[in-house]
Amino acid sequence: MIWEETLDYYGVLIEESLKDYLTKVLQEAKAYNPFIEKVYSKLEEFAFRKGKRLASCSNILTYSGYTGMIDDRILDVAVGIEVYRHCILIHDDLVDREDFRRGEKTVHKMFSERRDERFGEGVAIFLGDIAYTLATRAILDSSFEEDKLIKVLRVISKEYREVNESQILDLLFECEEVNVDEWYVMASKRAASLFKITMLTGAILADAPERDLKLLEEAAANIGYAFDIQDDIIDTYASKDQYGRPPCRDLTLSKKPLHVICALRSKSQEDSEALRKLLGKNLDPEEIELARLAIKESGGLEKSKEISKKHAEKAKELFLKTMLNEETKRFFTSFINYIEESLEWYK
């Protein structure tokens, strides 16, 4: 698959730059305090767990899509994007009470072992904040022109605020009845926010035309919707071996992903009530199957898949209108096709 091969290739370049940057950060921490050095070493370990580097690769591919090259400056920016993504993950894991991320302990769990939960949670909050500052520093140190960096940091600051607003709504929805329109309000600042940062940052630094910035912002929003729907469906229907964590975690937390909202608001009262009774419970294997069946039989699964595909097709249409080179267009088209195809794994 084109998108996976591309991520593997550019991911190596990004990880080399990320290693250099975090090594410098660790040296600074060592000169300050040995425990702070340990905290930063955990951030490094967390950032180097197995992953696709989708955000940072999208950033440099958008840049190269307009410039035809990848230089040290954009690799420095990609490092900032990668650290930024992990600042969000640290806080997300804490709020969702996750014990594991990519098969290993989450940051708050690692530090809870040193003393207690309060200590671990406190360190995770502060380290997530630190990671945000390290992300912006990496970008500022990239040697791009000052006016471009100001534009980029305005985008990042705006989207960071918005993704946190989204997280607040996600928490609120756990204890409220939610409709599709309300889901869109929340999701407009969720994965969509990260895709906007990656693409707009690369495009701004590459002097992309103003028209393309608007097209990319809309494309990013549509990819974000499609990606969120897919990721949430995977949480419900994939096995622990496939996904790396127990299924139906969202249901356990009473979250309201789109396919659950569609099921709860379906005409099938029997299925919606059966599903409602399972929200907020630690589900056993039999209850997991009941939840999956209720979502499917109510039409919630198919409805959300249709919406995801609609946004995926819109994103592809928008990319074709940009002045990105063919390599970058193929990458994004291939990735979007993967999102659409993966929805068919769950029927």
C-alpha atoms as a PDB file:
ATOM      1  CA  MET A   1       0.000   0.000   0.000  1.00  0.00           C
ATOM      2  CA  ILE A   2       1.412   3.376  -1.033  1.00  0.00           C
ATOM      3  CA  TRP A   3       0.625   5.226   2.193  1.00  0.00           C
ATOM      4  CA  GLU A   4       2.181   2.588   4.473  1.00  0.00           C
ATOM      5  CA  GLU A   5       5.354   2.339   2.391  1.00  0.00           C
ATOM      6  CA  THR A   6       5.638   6.123   2.381  1.00  0.00           C
ATOM      7  CA  LEU A   7       5.228   6.341   6.156  1.00  0.00           C
ATOM      8  CA  ASP A   8       7.851   3.660   6.695  1.00  0.00           C
ATOM      9  CA  TYR A   9      10.347   5.537   4.498  1.00  0.00           C
ATOM     10  CA  TYR A  10       9.858   9.031   5.889  1.00  0.00           C
ATOM     11  CA  GLY A  11       9.292   7.772   9.420  1.00  0.00           C
ATOM     12  CA  VAL A  12      12.962   6.765   9.602  1.00  0.00           C
ATOM     13  CA  LEU A  13      14.053  10.317   8.742  1.00  0.00           C
ATOM     14  CA  ILE A  14      11.710  11.799  11.327  1.00  0.00           C
ATOM     15  CA  GLU A  15      12.853   9.415  14.054  1.00  0.00           C
ATOM     16  CA  GLU A  16      16.496  10.305  13.440  1.00  0.00           C
ATOM     17  CA  SER A  17      15.698  13.995  13.880  1.00  0.00           C
ATOM     18  CA  LEU A  18      13.448  13.275  16.865  1.00  0.00           C
ATOM     19  CA  LYS A  19      16.253  11.324  18.547  1.00  0.00           C
ATOM     20  CA  ASP A  20      18.692  14.198  18.067  1.00  0.00           C
ATOM     21  CA  TYR A  21      16.247  16.716  19.492  1.00  0.00           C
ATOM     22  CA  LEU A  22      15.238  14.682  22.549  1.00  0.00           C
ATOM     23  CA  THR A  23      18.878  13.829  23.285  1.00  0.00           C
ATOM     24  CA  LYS A  24      19.581  17.554  23.567  1.00  0.00           C
ATOM     25  CA  VAL A  25      16.549  18.002  25.803  1.00  0.00           C
ATOM     26  CA  LEU A  26      17.732  15.154  28.053  1.00  0.00           C
ATOM     27  CA  GLN A  27      21.153  16.726  28.397  1.00  0.00           C
ATOM     28  CA  GLU A  28      19.560  19.986  29.546  1.00  0.00           C
ATOM     29  CA  ALA A  29      17.379  18.112  32.037  1.00  0.00           C
ATOM     30  CA  LYS A  30      20.377  16.208  33.404  1.00  0.00           C
ATOM     31  CA  ALA A  31      22.118  19.487  34.188  1.00  0.00           C
ATOM     32  CA  TYR A  32      19.042  20.634  36.109  1.00  0.00           C
ATOM     33  CA  ASN A  33      17.812  17.679  38.190  1.00  0.00           C
ATOM     34  CA  PRO A  34      18.193  13.876  38.011  1.00  0.00           C
ATOM     35  CA  PHE A  35      14.473  13.186  38.465  1.00  0.00           C
ATOM     36  CA  ILE A  36      13.513  15.681  35.760  1.00  0.00           C
ATOM     37  CA  GLU A  37      15.987  13.873  33.506  1.00  0.00           C
ATOM     38  CA  LYS A  38      14.127  10.640  34.273  1.00  0.00           C
ATOM     39  CA  VAL A  39      10.797  12.293  33.463  1.00  0.00           C
ATOM     40  CA  TYR A  40      12.140  13.446  30.094  1.00  0.00           C
ATOM     41  CA  SER A  41      13.566  10.004  29.404  1.00  0.00           C
ATOM     42  CA  LYS A  42      10.051   8.578  29.848  1.00  0.00           C
ATOM     43  CA  LEU A  43       8.776  11.120  27.341  1.00  0.00           C
ATOM     44  CA  GLU A  44      11.443   9.922  24.906  1.00  0.00           C
ATOM     45  CA  GLU A  45      10.504   6.288  25.480  1.00  0.00           C
ATOM     46  CA  PHE A  46       6.816   7.124  25.038  1.00  0.00           C
ATOM     47  CA  ALA A  47       7.468   8.972  21.775  1.00  0.00           C
ATOM     48  CA  PHE A  48       9.503   6.092  20.335  1.00  0.00           C
ATOM     49  CA  ARG A  49       6.942   3.369  20.860  1.00  0.00           C
ATOM     50  CA  LYS A  50       5.866   1.693  17.653  1.00  0.00           C
ATOM     51  CA  GLY A  51       3.717   3.977  15.539  1.00  0.00           C
ATOM     52  CA  LYS A  52       3.160   5.125  11.956  1.00  0.00           C
ATOM     53  CA  ARG A  53       4.218   8.816  12.399  1.00  0.00           C
ATOM     54  CA  LEU A  54       1.166   9.740  10.339  1.00  0.00           C
ATOM     55  CA  ALA A  55       0.958  13.340  11.586  1.00  0.00           C
ATOM     56  CA  SER A  56       4.593  14.264  11.083  1.00  0.00           C
ATOM     57  CA  CYS A  57       4.824  12.440   7.745  1.00  0.00           C
ATOM     58  CA  SER A  58       1.715  14.256   6.502  1.00  0.00           C
ATOM     59  CA  ASN A  59       3.448  17.479   7.480  1.00  0.00           C
ATOM     60  CA  ILE A  60       6.626  16.903   5.471  1.00  0.00           C
ATOM     61  CA  LEU A  61       4.728  15.412   2.528  1.00  0.00           C
ATOM     62  CA  THR A  62       2.523  18.488   2.287  1.00  0.00           C
ATOM     63  CA  TYR A  63       5.664  20.643   2.354  1.00  0.00           C
ATOM     64  CA  SER A  64       7.393  18.548  -0.304  1.00  0.00           C
ATOM     65  CA  GLY A  65       4.154  18.522  -2.303  1.00  0.00           C
ATOM     66  CA  TYR A  66       4.733  22.209  -3.000  1.00  0.00           C
ATOM     67  CA  THR A  67       8.537  22.512  -2.845  1.00  0.00           C
ATOM     68  CA  GLY A  68       9.572  19.177  -4.358  1.00  0.00           C
ATOM     69  CA  MET A  69      12.074  18.567  -1.545  1.00  0.00           C
ATOM     70  CA  ILE A  70      12.536  17.653   2.113  1.00  0.00           C
ATOM     71  CA  ASP A  71      15.183  19.631   3.995  1.00  0.00           C
ATOM     72  CA  ASP A  72      16.466  19.801   7.567  1.00  0.00           C
ATOM     73  CA  ARG A  73      14.160  22.687   8.361  1.00  0.00           C
ATOM     74  CA  ILE A  74      10.960  20.775   7.681  1.00  0.00           C
ATOM     75  CA  LEU A  75      12.324  17.750   9.549  1.00  0.00           C
ATOM     76  CA  ASP A  76      12.765  19.999  12.597  1.00  0.00           C
ATOM     77  CA  VAL A  77       9.153  21.109  12.226  1.00  0.00           C
ATOM     78  CA  ALA A  78       8.035  17.484  11.852  1.00  0.00           C
ATOM     79  CA  VAL A  79       9.773  16.744  15.155  1.00  0.00           C
ATOM     80  CA  GLY A  80       7.671  19.492  16.725  1.00  0.00           C
ATOM     81  CA  ILE A  81       4.506  17.992  15.233  1.00  0.00           C
ATOM     82  CA  GLU A  82       5.433  14.569  16.591  1.00  0.00           C
ATOM     83  CA  VAL A  83       6.057  15.901  20.114  1.00  0.00           C
ATOM     84  CA  TYR A  84       2.825  17.920  19.902  1.00  0.00           C
ATOM     85  CA  ARG A  85       0.875  14.761  19.090  1.00  0.00           C
ATOM     86  CA  HIS A  86       2.305  13.039  22.149  1.00  0.00           C
ATOM     87  CA  CYS A  87       1.412  15.894  24.479  1.00  0.00           C
ATOM     88  CA  ILE A  88      -2.213  15.272  23.509  1.00  0.00           C
ATOM     89  CA  LEU A  89      -1.877  11.503  23.954  1.00  0.00           C
ATOM     90  CA  ILE A  90      -0.430  11.881  27.474  1.00  0.00           C
ATOM     91  CA  HIS A  91      -3.418  13.935  28.596  1.00  0.00           C
ATOM     92  CA  ASP A  92      -5.898  11.786  26.667  1.00  0.00           C
ATOM     93  CA  ASP A  93      -4.663   8.605  28.354  1.00  0.00           C
ATOM     94  CA  LEU A  94      -4.963  10.246  31.758  1.00  0.00           C
ATOM     95  CA  VAL A  95      -8.530  11.467  31.254  1.00  0.00           C
ATOM     96  CA  ASP A  96      -9.652   8.136  29.778  1.00  0.00           C
ATOM     97  CA  ARG A  97      -7.918   6.203  32.582  1.00  0.00           C
ATOM     98  CA  GLU A  98      -5.980   4.092  30.119  1.00  0.00           C
ATOM     99  CA  ASP A  99      -3.380   1.734  31.562  1.00  0.00           C
ATOM    100  CA  PHE A 100      -1.597   0.991  28.284  1.00  0.00           C
ATOM    101  CA  ARG A 101      -0.617   2.777  25.081  1.00  0.00           C
ATOM    102  CA  ARG A 102       0.815   0.667  22.242  1.00  0.00           C
ATOM    103  CA  GLY A 103       1.227  -2.306  24.532  1.00  0.00           C
ATOM    104  CA  GLU A 104       3.136  -0.507  27.318  1.00  0.00           C
ATOM    105  CA  LYS A 105       2.135   1.511  30.371  1.00  0.00           C
ATOM    106  CA  THR A 106       0.798   5.012  29.921  1.00  0.00           C
ATOM    107  CA  VAL A 107       2.746   7.920  31.406  1.00  0.00           C
ATOM    108  CA  HIS A 108       0.535   8.411  34.457  1.00  0.00           C
ATOM    109  CA  LYS A 109       0.668   4.682  35.189  1.00  0.00           C
ATOM    110  CA  MET A 110       4.471   4.597  34.960  1.00  0.00           C
ATOM    111  CA  PHE A 111       4.838   7.357  37.540  1.00  0.00           C
ATOM    112  CA  SER A 112       2.028   6.124  39.786  1.00  0.00           C
ATOM    113  CA  GLU A 113       4.275   3.158  40.552  1.00  0.00           C
ATOM    114  CA  ARG A 114       6.838   5.474  42.118  1.00  0.00           C
ATOM    115  CA  ARG A 115       4.452   6.729  44.803  1.00  0.00           C
ATOM    116  CA  ASP A 116       0.693   6.817  44.182  1.00  0.00           C
ATOM    117  CA  GLU A 117      -1.982   7.726  41.642  1.00  0.00           C
ATOM    118  CA  ARG A 118      -1.971  11.421  42.517  1.00  0.00           C
ATOM    119  CA  PHE A 119       1.746  11.623  41.870  1.00  0.00           C
ATOM    120  CA  GLY A 120       1.465   9.806  38.544  1.00  0.00           C
ATOM    121  CA  GLU A 121      -1.455  11.909  37.386  1.00  0.00           C
ATOM    122  CA  GLY A 122       0.285  15.129  38.386  1.00  0.00           C
ATOM    123  CA  VAL A 123       3.465  14.230  36.522  1.00  0.00           C
ATOM    124  CA  ALA A 124       1.426  13.332  33.429  1.00  0.00           C
ATOM    125  CA  ILE A 125      -0.386  16.687  33.461  1.00  0.00           C
ATOM    126  CA  PHE A 126       2.852  18.634  33.771  1.00  0.00           C
ATOM    127  CA  LEU A 127       4.742  16.487  31.268  1.00  0.00           C
ATOM    128  CA  GLY A 128       1.965  16.908  28.712  1.00  0.00           C
ATOM    129  CA  ASP A 129       2.268  20.674  29.163  1.00  0.00           C
ATOM    130  CA  ILE A 130       6.053  20.462  28.860  1.00  0.00           C
ATOM    131  CA  ALA A 131       5.719  18.445  25.657  1.00  0.00           C
ATOM    132  CA  TYR A 132       3.640  21.266  24.145  1.00  0.00           C
ATOM    133  CA  THR A 133       6.402  23.780  24.886  1.00  0.00           C
ATOM    134  CA  LEU A 134       9.031  21.415  23.490  1.00  0.00           C
ATOM    135  CA  ALA A 135       6.971  21.079  20.318  1.00  0.00           C
ATOM    136  CA  THR A 136       6.777  24.827  19.778  1.00  0.00           C
ATOM    137  CA  ARG A 137      10.475  25.209  20.563  1.00  0.00           C
ATOM    138  CA  ALA A 138      11.422  22.624  17.918  1.00  0.00           C
ATOM    139  CA  ILE A 139       9.388  24.541  15.365  1.00  0.00           C
ATOM    140  CA  LEU A 140      10.848  27.917  16.366  1.00  0.00           C
ATOM    141  CA  ASP A 141      14.368  26.480  16.052  1.00  0.00           C
ATOM    142  CA  SER A 142      13.728  25.265  12.497  1.00  0.00           C
ATOM    143  CA  SER A 143      15.351  28.285  10.749  1.00  0.00           C
ATOM    144  CA  PHE A 144      12.308  29.153   8.654  1.00  0.00           C
ATOM    145  CA  GLU A 145      11.534  32.823   8.107  1.00  0.00           C
ATOM    146  CA  GLU A 146      10.057  34.526  11.157  1.00  0.00           C
ATOM    147  CA  ASP A 147       6.834  35.603   9.460  1.00  0.00           C
ATOM    148  CA  LYS A 148       6.097  32.012   8.412  1.00  0.00           C
ATOM    149  CA  LEU A 149       6.812  30.685  11.897  1.00  0.00           C
ATOM    150  CA  ILE A 150       4.430  33.219  13.405  1.00  0.00           C
ATOM    151  CA  LYS A 151       1.674  32.010  11.063  1.00  0.00           C
ATOM    152  CA  VAL A 152       2.436  28.393  11.926  1.00  0.00           C
ATOM    153  CA  LEU A 153       2.385  28.988  15.673  1.00  0.00           C
ATOM    154  CA  ARG A 154      -0.918  30.816  15.365  1.00  0.00           C
ATOM    155  CA  VAL A 155      -2.367  27.733  13.670  1.00  0.00           C
ATOM    156  CA  ILE A 156      -0.951  25.404  16.331  1.00  0.00           C
ATOM    157  CA  SER A 157      -2.117  27.593  19.218  1.00  0.00           C
ATOM    158  CA  LYS A 158      -5.631  27.798  17.773  1.00  0.00           C
ATOM    159  CA  GLU A 159      -5.888  24.075  17.101  1.00  0.00           C
ATOM    160  CA  TYR A 160      -4.458  23.148  20.515  1.00  0.00           C
ATOM    161  CA  ARG A 161      -7.157  25.213  22.178  1.00  0.00           C
ATOM    162  CA  GLU A 162      -9.779  23.627  19.942  1.00  0.00           C
ATOM    163  CA  VAL A 163      -8.715  20.031  20.518  1.00  0.00           C
ATOM    164  CA  ASN A 164      -8.954  20.654  24.267  1.00  0.00           C
ATOM    165  CA  GLU A 165     -12.434  22.117  23.805  1.00  0.00           C
ATOM    166  CA  SER A 166     -13.315  18.936  21.938  1.00  0.00           C
ATOM    167  CA  GLN A 167     -11.999  16.800  24.790  1.00  0.00           C
ATOM    168  CA  ILE A 168     -14.180  18.677  27.257  1.00  0.00           C
ATOM    169  CA  LEU A 169     -17.257  18.004  25.131  1.00  0.00           C
ATOM    170  CA  ASP A 170     -16.243  14.346  24.800  1.00  0.00           C
ATOM    171  CA  LEU A 171     -16.265  14.142  28.603  1.00  0.00           C
ATOM    172  CA  LEU A 172     -19.586  15.985  28.838  1.00  0.00           C
ATOM    173  CA  PHE A 173     -21.205  13.628  26.324  1.00  0.00           C
ATOM    174  CA  GLU A 174     -20.489  10.670  28.611  1.00  0.00           C
ATOM    175  CA  CYS A 175     -23.355  11.793  30.840  1.00  0.00           C
ATOM    176  CA  GLU A 176     -25.711  13.268  28.238  1.00  0.00           C
ATOM    177  CA  GLU A 177     -27.928  12.198  25.376  1.00  0.00           C
ATOM    178  CA  VAL A 178     -26.264  13.358  22.155  1.00  0.00           C
ATOM    179  CA  ASN A 179     -27.469  13.747  18.562  1.00  0.00           C
ATOM    180  CA  VAL A 180     -25.504  13.668  15.310  1.00  0.00           C
ATOM    181  CA  ASP A 181     -25.276  17.454  15.053  1.00  0.00           C
ATOM    182  CA  GLU A 182     -23.717  17.647  18.530  1.00  0.00           C
ATOM    183  CA  TRP A 183     -21.255  14.921  17.558  1.00  0.00           C
ATOM    184  CA  TYR A 184     -20.176  17.049  14.575  1.00  0.00           C
ATOM    185  CA  VAL A 185     -19.555  20.031  16.854  1.00  0.00           C
ATOM    186  CA  MET A 186     -17.241  17.906  18.982  1.00  0.00           C
ATOM    187  CA  ALA A 187     -15.573  16.046  16.112  1.00  0.00           C
ATOM    188  CA  SER A 188     -14.869  19.246  14.163  1.00  0.00           C
ATOM    189  CA  LYS A 189     -12.072  19.915  16.658  1.00  0.00           C
ATOM    190  CA  ARG A 190     -10.888  16.348  17.286  1.00  0.00           C
ATOM    191  CA  ALA A 191      -8.799  14.436  14.699  1.00  0.00           C
ATOM    192  CA  ALA A 192      -9.709  17.197  12.252  1.00  0.00           C
ATOM    193  CA  SER A 193      -7.643  19.567  14.392  1.00  0.00           C
ATOM    194  CA  LEU A 194      -4.491  17.455  14.125  1.00  0.00           C
ATOM    195  CA  PHE A 195      -4.825  17.018  10.366  1.00  0.00           C
ATOM    196  CA  LYS A 196      -5.256  20.783   9.991  1.00  0.00           C
ATOM    197  CA  ILE A 197      -2.019  21.400  11.891  1.00  0.00           C
ATOM    198  CA  THR A 198      -0.016  18.890   9.872  1.00  0.00           C
ATOM    199  CA  MET A 199      -1.223  20.047   6.459  1.00  0.00           C
ATOM    200  CA  LEU A 200      -1.523  23.784   7.014  1.00  0.00           C
ATOM    201  CA  THR A 201       1.891  23.966   8.687  1.00  0.00           C
ATOM    202  CA  GLY A 202       3.567  22.213   5.767  1.00  0.00           C
ATOM    203  CA  ALA A 203       1.680  24.334   3.245  1.00  0.00           C
ATOM    204  CA  ILE A 204       2.404  27.674   4.957  1.00  0.00           C
ATOM    205  CA  LEU A 205       6.120  26.927   5.178  1.00  0.00           C
ATOM    206  CA  ALA A 206       6.126  25.935   1.508  1.00  0.00           C
ATOM    207  CA  ASP A 207       4.454  29.181   0.367  1.00  0.00           C
ATOM    208  CA  ALA A 208       1.368  27.374  -0.899  1.00  0.00           C
ATOM    209  CA  PRO A 209      -1.256  29.585  -2.580  1.00  0.00           C
ATOM    210  CA  GLU A 210      -3.969  31.022  -0.318  1.00  0.00           C
ATOM    211  CA  ARG A 211      -6.582  29.084  -2.284  1.00  0.00           C
ATOM    212  CA  ASP A 212      -4.816  25.824  -1.432  1.00  0.00           C
ATOM    213  CA  LEU A 213      -4.718  26.656   2.280  1.00  0.00           C
ATOM    214  CA  LYS A 214      -8.514  26.830   2.263  1.00  0.00           C
ATOM    215  CA  LEU A 215      -8.799  23.597   0.284  1.00  0.00           C
ATOM    216  CA  LEU A 216      -6.403  21.802   2.640  1.00  0.00           C
ATOM    217  CA  GLU A 217      -8.227  23.046   5.725  1.00  0.00           C
ATOM    218  CA  GLU A 218     -11.500  21.647   4.385  1.00  0.00           C
ATOM    219  CA  ALA A 219      -9.824  18.406   3.285  1.00  0.00           C
ATOM    220  CA  ALA A 220      -8.267  18.017   6.739  1.00  0.00           C
ATOM    221  CA  ALA A 221     -11.671  18.409   8.387  1.00  0.00           C
ATOM    222  CA  ASN A 222     -13.164  15.718   6.155  1.00  0.00           C
ATOM    223  CA  ILE A 223     -10.264  13.318   6.753  1.00  0.00           C
ATOM    224  CA  GLY A 224     -10.666  13.978  10.470  1.00  0.00           C
ATOM    225  CA  TYR A 225     -14.342  13.019  10.432  1.00  0.00           C
ATOM    226  CA  ALA A 226     -13.679   9.874   8.387  1.00  0.00           C
ATOM    227  CA  PHE A 227     -10.722   8.885  10.571  1.00  0.00           C
ATOM    228  CA  ASP A 228     -12.567   9.434  13.868  1.00  0.00           C
ATOM    229  CA  ILE A 229     -15.532   7.340  12.753  1.00  0.00           C
ATOM    230  CA  GLN A 230     -13.229   4.538  11.584  1.00  0.00           C
ATOM    231  CA  ASP A 231     -11.133   4.617  14.774  1.00  0.00           C
ATOM    232  CA  ASP A 232     -14.226   4.501  16.981  1.00  0.00           C
ATOM    233  CA  ILE A 233     -15.691   1.572  15.050  1.00  0.00           C
ATOM    234  CA  ILE A 234     -12.388  -0.261  15.473  1.00  0.00           C
ATOM    235  CA  ASP A 235     -12.582   0.334  19.238  1.00  0.00           C
ATOM    236  CA  THR A 236     -15.944  -1.451  19.311  1.00  0.00           C
ATOM    237  CA  TYR A 237     -15.397  -4.262  16.819  1.00  0.00           C
ATOM    238  CA  ALA A 238     -11.677  -5.117  16.765  1.00  0.00           C
ATOM    239  CA  SER A 239     -10.241  -7.725  19.117  1.00  0.00           C
ATOM    240  CA  LYS A 240      -7.522  -7.002  21.661  1.00  0.00           C
ATOM    241  CA  ASP A 241      -5.001  -8.810  19.439  1.00  0.00           C
ATOM    242  CA  GLN A 242      -5.951  -6.588  16.503  1.00  0.00           C
ATOM    243  CA  TYR A 243      -6.181  -3.264  18.367  1.00  0.00           C
ATOM    244  CA  GLY A 244      -3.759  -3.696  21.270  1.00  0.00           C
ATOM    245  CA  ARG A 245      -6.331  -3.028  23.981  1.00  0.00           C
ATOM    246  CA  PRO A 246      -9.648  -4.509  25.174  1.00  0.00           C
ATOM    247  CA  PRO A 247     -12.614  -3.827  22.861  1.00  0.00           C
ATOM    248  CA  CYS A 248     -15.519  -1.520  23.671  1.00  0.00           C
ATOM    249  CA  ARG A 249     -13.441   0.791  25.835  1.00  0.00           C
ATOM    250  CA  ASP A 250     -15.579   3.729  24.652  1.00  0.00           C
ATOM    251  CA  LEU A 251     -18.751   1.998  25.818  1.00  0.00           C
ATOM    252  CA  THR A 252     -17.193   1.274  29.205  1.00  0.00           C
ATOM    253  CA  LEU A 253     -16.565   5.008  29.625  1.00  0.00           C
ATOM    254  CA  SER A 254     -20.062   5.874  28.317  1.00  0.00           C
ATOM    255  CA  LYS A 255     -18.557   7.737  25.375  1.00  0.00           C
ATOM    256  CA  LYS A 256     -20.769   8.588  22.420  1.00  0.00           C
ATOM    257  CA  PRO A 257     -18.982   7.834  19.125  1.00  0.00           C
ATOM    258  CA  LEU A 258     -21.087   8.315  16.018  1.00  0.00           C
ATOM    259  CA  HIS A 259     -22.064   4.666  15.516  1.00  0.00           C
ATOM    260  CA  VAL A 260     -23.293   4.515  19.118  1.00  0.00           C
ATOM    261  CA  ILE A 261     -25.273   7.758  18.726  1.00  0.00           C
ATOM    262  CA  CYS A 262     -26.894   6.400  15.561  1.00  0.00           C
ATOM    263  CA  ALA A 263     -27.780   3.178  17.368  1.00  0.00           C
ATOM    264  CA  LEU A 264     -29.201   4.935  20.437  1.00  0.00           C
ATOM    265  CA  ARG A 265     -31.339   7.215  18.261  1.00  0.00           C
ATOM    266  CA  SER A 266     -32.511   4.509  15.855  1.00  0.00           C
ATOM    267  CA  LYS A 267     -36.120   3.466  15.344  1.00  0.00           C
ATOM    268  CA  SER A 268     -35.349   0.096  16.916  1.00  0.00           C
ATOM    269  CA  GLN A 269     -36.300   0.688  20.548  1.00  0.00           C
ATOM    270  CA  GLU A 270     -35.279  -2.830  21.506  1.00  0.00           C
ATOM    271  CA  ASP A 271     -31.720  -2.427  20.201  1.00  0.00           C
ATOM    272  CA  SER A 272     -31.267   1.110  21.519  1.00  0.00           C
ATOM    273  CA  GLU A 273     -32.454   0.153  25.005  1.00  0.00           C
ATOM    274  CA  ALA A 274     -30.271  -2.956  25.042  1.00  0.00           C
ATOM    275  CA  LEU A 275     -27.265  -0.810  24.171  1.00  0.00           C
ATOM    276  CA  ARG A 276     -28.143   1.928  26.675  1.00  0.00           C
ATOM    277  CA  LYS A 277     -28.125  -0.602  29.515  1.00  0.00           C
ATOM    278  CA  LEU A 278     -24.538  -1.571  28.660  1.00  0.00           C
ATOM    279  CA  LEU A 279     -23.085   1.955  28.692  1.00  0.00           C
ATOM    280  CA  GLY A 280     -20.727   2.587  31.595  1.00  0.00           C
ATOM    281  CA  LYS A 281     -20.278  -1.094  32.475  1.00  0.00           C
ATOM    282  CA  ASN A 282     -17.137  -3.207  32.511  1.00  0.00           C
ATOM    283  CA  LEU A 283     -18.361  -5.531  29.804  1.00  0.00           C
ATOM    284  CA  ASP A 284     -17.749  -9.261  29.846  1.00  0.00           C
ATOM    285  CA  PRO A 285     -17.322 -11.129  26.522  1.00  0.00           C
ATOM    286  CA  GLU A 286     -21.027 -11.920  26.264  1.00  0.00           C
ATOM    287  CA  GLU A 287     -22.011  -8.283  26.872  1.00  0.00           C
ATOM    288  CA  ILE A 288     -19.482  -7.113  24.282  1.00  0.00           C
ATOM    289  CA  GLU A 289     -21.171  -9.301  21.694  1.00  0.00           C
ATOM    290  CA  LEU A 290     -24.577  -8.000  22.761  1.00  0.00           C
ATOM    291  CA  ALA A 291     -23.398  -4.411  22.313  1.00  0.00           C
ATOM    292  CA  ARG A 292     -21.905  -5.127  18.902  1.00  0.00           C
ATOM    293  CA  LEU A 293     -25.087  -6.868  17.780  1.00  0.00           C
ATOM    294  CA  ALA A 294     -27.324  -4.029  19.023  1.00  0.00           C
ATOM    295  CA  ILE A 295     -25.275  -1.427  17.125  1.00  0.00           C
ATOM    296  CA  LYS A 296     -25.365  -3.539  13.980  1.00  0.00           C
ATOM    297  CA  GLU A 297     -29.043  -4.521  14.118  1.00  0.00           C
ATOM    298  CA  SER A 298     -30.146  -0.957  14.854  1.00  0.00           C
ATOM    299  CA  GLY A 299     -28.432   0.263  11.686  1.00  0.00           C
ATOM    300  CA  GLY A 300     -25.970   2.382  13.659  1.00  0.00           C
ATOM    301  CA  LEU A 301     -22.914   0.680  12.226  1.00  0.00           C
ATOM    302  CA  GLU A 302     -23.951   1.044   8.573  1.00  0.00           C
ATOM    303  CA  LYS A 303     -25.149   4.621   9.046  1.00  0.00           C
ATOM    304  CA  SER A 304     -21.831   5.739  10.529  1.00  0.00           C
ATOM    305  CA  LYS A 305     -19.881   3.901   7.812  1.00  0.00           C
ATOM    306  CA  GLU A 306     -21.890   5.730   5.147  1.00  0.00           C
ATOM    307  CA  ILE A 307     -21.082   9.085   6.770  1.00  0.00           C
ATOM    308  CA  SER A 308     -17.387   8.213   7.028  1.00  0.00           C
ATOM    309  CA  LYS A 309     -17.254   7.280   3.340  1.00  0.00           C
ATOM    310  CA  LYS A 310     -18.997  10.517   2.377  1.00  0.00           C
ATOM    311  CA  HIS A 311     -16.304  12.540   4.123  1.00  0.00           C
ATOM    312  CA  ALA A 312     -13.536  10.372   2.675  1.00  0.00           C
ATOM    313  CA  GLU A 313     -14.770  10.977  -0.861  1.00  0.00           C
ATOM    314  CA  LYS A 314     -15.059  14.711  -0.217  1.00  0.00           C
ATOM    315  CA  ALA A 315     -11.473  14.827   1.065  1.00  0.00           C
ATOM    316  CA  LYS A 316     -10.159  13.083  -2.066  1.00  0.00           C
ATOM    317  CA  GLU A 317     -12.079  15.500  -4.253  1.00  0.00           C
ATOM    318  CA  LEU A 318     -10.552  18.487  -2.435  1.00  0.00           C
ATOM    319  CA  PHE A 319      -6.981  17.179  -2.693  1.00  0.00           C
ATOM    320  CA  LEU A 320      -7.327  16.849  -6.443  1.00  0.00           C
ATOM    321  CA  LYS A 321      -8.144  20.574  -6.657  1.00  0.00           C
ATOM    322  CA  THR A 322      -4.886  21.621  -4.958  1.00  0.00           C
ATOM    323  CA  MET A 323      -1.517  22.294  -6.573  1.00  0.00           C
ATOM    324  CA  LEU A 324       0.169  19.523  -4.577  1.00  0.00           C
ATOM    325  CA  ASN A 325       2.433  17.285  -6.649  1.00  0.00           C
ATOM    326  CA  GLU A 326       1.225  13.862  -7.766  1.00  0.00           C
ATOM    327  CA  GLU A 327       3.278  11.947  -5.187  1.00  0.00           C
ATOM    328  CA  THR A 328       1.608  13.747  -2.299  1.00  0.00           C
ATOM    329  CA  LYS A 329      -1.838  13.432  -3.839  1.00  0.00           C
ATOM    330  CA  ARG A 330      -1.285   9.676  -4.250  1.00  0.00           C
ATOM    331  CA  PHE A 331      -0.228   9.396  -0.619  1.00  0.00           C
ATOM    332  CA  PHE A 332      -3.339  11.087   0.753  1.00  0.00           C
ATOM    333  CA  THR A 333      -5.633   9.299  -1.697  1.00  0.00           C
ATOM    334  CA  SER A 334      -4.128   5.945  -0.734  1.00  0.00           C
ATOM    335  CA  PHE A 335      -4.528   6.688   2.982  1.00  0.00           C
ATOM    336  CA  ILE A 336      -8.136   7.785   2.530  1.00  0.00           C
ATOM    337  CA  ASN A 337      -8.859   4.649   0.485  1.00  0.00           C
ATOM    338  CA  TYR A 338      -7.489   2.589   3.388  1.00  0.00           C
ATOM    339  CA  ILE A 339      -9.917   4.285   5.783  1.00  0.00           C
ATOM    340  CA  GLU A 340     -12.825   3.449   3.473  1.00  0.00           C
ATOM    341  CA  GLU A 341     -11.719  -0.148   2.889  1.00  0.00           C
ATOM    342  CA  SER A 342     -11.091  -0.858   6.562  1.00  0.00           C
ATOM    343  CA  LEU A 343     -14.707  -0.021   7.361  1.00  0.00           C
ATOM    344  CA  GLU A 344     -15.684  -3.167   5.475  1.00  0.00           C
ATOM    345  CA  TRP A 345     -13.752  -5.333   7.919  1.00  0.00           C
ATOM    346  CA  TYR A 346     -16.641  -4.904  10.346  1.00  0.00           C
ATOM    347  CA  LYS A 347     -20.040  -6.085   9.134  1.00  0.00           C
END
